[in-house]
Protein backbone atom coordinates (compact mmCIF):
# COMPACT_ATOMS: atom_id res chain seq x y z
CA MET A 1 58.61 -4.53 77.28
CA ASN A 2 57.77 -5.11 73.64
CA SER A 3 59.62 -3.76 70.61
CA LEU A 4 57.25 -0.83 70.06
CA ASP A 5 57.58 0.37 73.64
CA MET A 6 61.39 0.06 73.53
CA LEU A 7 61.49 2.12 70.30
CA LYS A 8 59.18 4.72 71.84
CA LYS A 9 61.55 5.10 74.80
CA LEU A 10 64.64 5.35 72.59
CA THR A 11 63.19 7.90 70.17
CA GLY A 12 60.68 9.86 72.31
CA GLU A 13 58.28 9.52 69.34
CA SER A 14 54.60 9.01 70.00
CA ASP A 15 53.49 8.17 66.45
CA GLU A 16 52.92 4.43 66.81
CA GLU A 17 52.08 4.05 63.12
CA LEU A 18 55.47 5.44 62.12
CA LEU A 19 57.29 3.34 64.71
CA SER A 20 55.47 0.22 63.67
CA LEU A 21 56.34 0.83 60.08
CA LEU A 22 60.01 1.23 60.95
CA LEU A 23 60.00 -1.95 63.04
CA ASP A 24 58.33 -3.92 60.22
CA THR A 25 60.84 -2.61 57.72
CA ALA A 26 63.72 -3.47 60.06
CA GLN A 27 62.33 -7.00 60.55
CA ASP A 28 61.91 -7.50 56.77
CA SER A 29 65.55 -6.40 56.24
CA ILE A 30 66.82 -8.70 59.03
CA LEU A 31 64.87 -11.71 57.63
CA ASN A 32 66.11 -11.03 54.17
CA TYR A 33 69.75 -10.70 55.32
CA THR A 34 69.67 -13.83 57.49
CA ASN A 35 67.69 -15.99 55.01
CA ARG A 36 65.07 -16.65 57.69
CA THR A 37 61.27 -16.72 57.53
CA VAL A 38 60.70 -16.14 61.25
CA LEU A 39 62.59 -13.66 63.45
CA PRO A 40 64.16 -15.49 66.48
CA PRO A 41 63.47 -13.77 69.81
CA ARG A 42 67.19 -13.16 70.28
CA LEU A 43 67.09 -10.71 67.31
CA GLU A 44 64.24 -8.52 68.73
CA VAL A 45 66.66 -6.01 70.26
CA THR A 46 68.63 -5.91 66.98
CA LYS A 47 65.35 -5.15 65.20
CA VAL A 48 64.69 -2.24 67.56
CA ARG A 49 68.25 -0.91 67.07
CA TRP A 50 67.90 -1.04 63.30
CA ALA A 51 64.53 0.71 63.49
CA ASN A 52 66.07 3.36 65.72
CA ILE A 53 68.87 3.99 63.18
CA ALA A 54 66.20 4.31 60.43
CA TYR A 55 64.25 6.77 62.61
CA ASN A 56 67.35 8.87 63.15
CA ARG A 57 68.22 8.86 59.45
CA GLN A 58 64.84 10.18 58.21
CA GLY A 59 65.39 12.85 55.63
CA MET A 60 68.90 11.50 54.74
CA GLU A 61 67.76 8.67 52.52
CA GLY A 62 70.24 7.95 49.76
CA GLU A 63 73.11 9.89 51.32
CA SER A 64 76.43 8.22 51.83
CA SER A 65 78.22 11.34 53.15
CA ARG A 66 77.54 14.96 54.01
CA SER A 67 79.66 18.06 54.60
CA GLU A 68 78.36 21.17 56.38
CA GLY A 69 80.31 24.01 57.82
CA GLY A 70 83.61 22.20 57.66
CA ILE A 71 82.18 19.04 59.40
CA SER A 72 82.11 15.84 57.32
CA GLN A 73 79.95 12.85 58.10
CA SER A 74 79.82 9.50 56.33
CA PHE A 75 77.13 6.92 56.74
CA VAL A 76 77.19 3.15 56.52
CA GLU A 77 74.09 1.17 55.66
CA ILE A 78 74.32 -1.18 58.59
CA PRO A 79 76.70 -0.60 61.51
CA SER A 80 79.41 -3.23 61.94
CA ASP A 81 78.13 -4.37 65.39
CA ILE A 82 74.69 -5.17 63.95
CA VAL A 83 76.26 -6.93 60.93
CA ALA A 84 78.30 -9.10 63.37
CA ILE A 85 75.08 -10.15 65.21
CA LEU A 86 73.22 -10.86 61.95
CA ASN A 87 76.12 -12.86 60.55
CA VAL A 88 76.03 -15.21 63.55
CA ASN A 89 72.31 -15.81 62.95
CA ARG A 90 72.50 -16.08 59.18
CA LEU A 91 71.40 -19.33 57.58
CA ALA A 92 73.49 -20.72 54.74
CA ARG A 93 72.03 -21.76 51.46
CA VAL A 94 72.80 -25.32 50.40
CA GLY A 95 71.85 -26.36 46.84
CA GLY A 96 69.77 -23.17 46.53
CA LYS A 97 67.74 -24.00 49.64
CA THR A 98 67.83 -22.72 53.18
CA TYR A 99 67.09 -25.12 56.01
CA GLU A 100 65.52 -23.44 59.04
CA LYS A 101 64.47 -25.10 62.30
CA THR A 102 60.81 -24.77 62.94
């Protein structure tokens, strides 16, 4: 099952253009965070999870917390379990350069 199909199943959304945009944005964010140019296959599920979070947060862009009817919610940019996975796959910069296996 590819990333788009997984995200469709998770969200129930049928708009492939929207889901593809969310997946592309998630991939760009992951590559930027990990200092990589190519997404390793082991991060595909993480990309889907990040895109699913973005899908669920539509309409709440820019909010860090919300209170309604006595219920308070706070939001983190990236959940700690995803950060832990990304940190393991992050490439260090040495002398201003990143060395990535090809």
